[in-house]
Amino acid sequence: MDGREERPLLRRLGWMAAIWLASVTVLGCVAWVIRFWLGS
């Protein structure tokens, strides 16, 4: 496997990790808002 095939794989893994992190962050924020809303 040369560098040309390895780089798109790393880029795809990076995008998957970024999307996963963004979704976890958004879900955490939504959970915090719901908890705050129900607690008040």
N, C-alpha and C. Protein backbone atom coordinates (compact mmCIF):
# COMPACT_ATOMS: atom_id res chain seq x y z
N MET A 1 0.86 -1.19 0.00
CA MET A 1 0.00 0.00 0.00
C MET A 1 0.90 1.24 0.00
N ASP A 2 0.73 2.08 -0.96
CA ASP A 2 1.55 3.29 -1.02
C ASP A 2 0.84 4.46 -0.34
N GLY A 3 1.50 5.60 -0.34
CA GLY A 3 0.96 6.77 0.36
C GLY A 3 -0.33 7.30 -0.23
N ARG A 4 -0.52 7.07 -1.55
CA ARG A 4 -1.73 7.59 -2.17
C ARG A 4 -2.98 6.89 -1.69
N GLU A 5 -2.89 5.60 -1.37
CA GLU A 5 -4.06 4.87 -0.88
C GLU A 5 -4.26 5.06 0.62
N GLU A 6 -3.19 5.34 1.33
CA GLU A 6 -3.28 5.44 2.78
C GLU A 6 -3.89 6.77 3.22
N ARG A 7 -3.60 7.84 2.49
CA ARG A 7 -4.06 9.15 2.92
C ARG A 7 -5.59 9.30 2.88
N PRO A 8 -6.28 8.88 1.81
CA PRO A 8 -7.75 8.98 1.85
C PRO A 8 -8.37 8.15 2.97
N LEU A 9 -7.76 7.02 3.31
CA LEU A 9 -8.28 6.22 4.42
C LEU A 9 -8.19 7.00 5.73
N LEU A 10 -7.05 7.63 5.96
CA LEU A 10 -6.89 8.43 7.18
C LEU A 10 -7.84 9.61 7.18
N ARG A 11 -8.05 10.20 6.00
CA ARG A 11 -8.98 11.33 5.91
C ARG A 11 -10.39 10.87 6.22
N ARG A 12 -10.78 9.70 5.70
CA ARG A 12 -12.12 9.18 5.98
C ARG A 12 -12.28 8.86 7.46
N LEU A 13 -11.26 8.26 8.06
CA LEU A 13 -11.34 7.97 9.50
C LEU A 13 -11.42 9.25 10.31
N GLY A 14 -10.69 10.28 9.87
CA GLY A 14 -10.76 11.57 10.56
C GLY A 14 -12.14 12.18 10.49
N TRP A 15 -12.75 12.11 9.30
CA TRP A 15 -14.11 12.63 9.15
C TRP A 15 -15.10 11.84 9.99
N MET A 16 -14.95 10.52 10.02
CA MET A 16 -15.85 9.70 10.84
C MET A 16 -15.71 10.06 12.32
N ALA A 17 -14.47 10.25 12.76
CA ALA A 17 -14.24 10.61 14.17
C ALA A 17 -14.82 12.00 14.46
N ALA A 18 -14.67 12.94 13.53
CA ALA A 18 -15.20 14.30 13.74
C ALA A 18 -16.72 14.28 13.78
N ILE A 19 -17.35 13.52 12.90
CA ILE A 19 -18.81 13.44 12.89
C ILE A 19 -19.31 12.77 14.16
N TRP A 20 -18.61 11.71 14.59
CA TRP A 20 -19.01 11.04 15.83
C TRP A 20 -18.89 11.98 17.02
N LEU A 21 -17.78 12.72 17.09
CA LEU A 21 -17.59 13.65 18.20
C LEU A 21 -18.64 14.75 18.19
N ALA A 22 -18.97 15.25 17.01
CA ALA A 22 -19.99 16.30 16.92
C ALA A 22 -21.35 15.76 17.35
N SER A 23 -21.69 14.54 16.94
CA SER A 23 -22.99 13.98 17.32
C SER A 23 -23.07 13.72 18.82
N VAL A 24 -21.98 13.24 19.41
CA VAL A 24 -21.97 13.01 20.86
C VAL A 24 -22.10 14.35 21.59
N THR A 25 -21.44 15.39 21.09
CA THR A 25 -21.53 16.71 21.72
C THR A 25 -22.94 17.26 21.64
N VAL A 26 -23.56 17.15 20.47
CA VAL A 26 -24.93 17.65 20.30
C VAL A 26 -25.90 16.88 21.19
N LEU A 27 -25.75 15.56 21.23
CA LEU A 27 -26.64 14.77 22.09
C LEU A 27 -26.45 15.11 23.56
N GLY A 28 -25.21 15.37 23.95
CA GLY A 28 -24.95 15.78 25.32
C GLY A 28 -25.60 17.11 25.65
N CYS A 29 -25.52 18.05 24.71
CA CYS A 29 -26.15 19.37 24.92
C CYS A 29 -27.67 19.23 25.00
N VAL A 30 -28.25 18.42 24.15
CA VAL A 30 -29.70 18.22 24.17
C VAL A 30 -30.12 17.57 25.49
N ALA A 31 -29.35 16.59 25.95
CA ALA A 31 -29.66 15.94 27.23
C ALA A 31 -29.56 16.94 28.38
N TRP A 32 -28.54 17.83 28.33
CA TRP A 32 -28.39 18.82 29.39
C TRP A 32 -29.57 19.80 29.38
N VAL A 33 -30.00 20.22 28.19
CA VAL A 33 -31.14 21.15 28.10
C VAL A 33 -32.41 20.49 28.62
N ILE A 34 -32.63 19.23 28.24
CA ILE A 34 -33.84 18.53 28.72
C ILE A 34 -33.79 18.36 30.23
N ARG A 35 -32.63 18.01 30.76
CA ARG A 35 -32.49 17.85 32.22
C ARG A 35 -32.75 19.18 32.93
N PHE A 36 -32.22 20.28 32.37
CA PHE A 36 -32.42 21.59 32.97
C PHE A 36 -33.89 22.00 32.89
N TRP A 37 -34.53 21.69 31.75
CA TRP A 37 -35.93 22.06 31.54
C TRP A 37 -36.85 21.28 32.48
N LEU A 38 -36.58 19.99 32.64
CA LEU A 38 -37.44 19.18 33.52
C LEU A 38 -37.16 19.47 34.99
N GLY A 39 -35.97 19.89 35.30
CA GLY A 39 -35.63 20.14 36.69
C GLY A 39 -36.18 21.45 37.22
N SER A 40 -36.51 22.38 36.33
CA SER A 40 -36.97 23.69 36.80
C SER A 40 -38.47 23.74 37.02
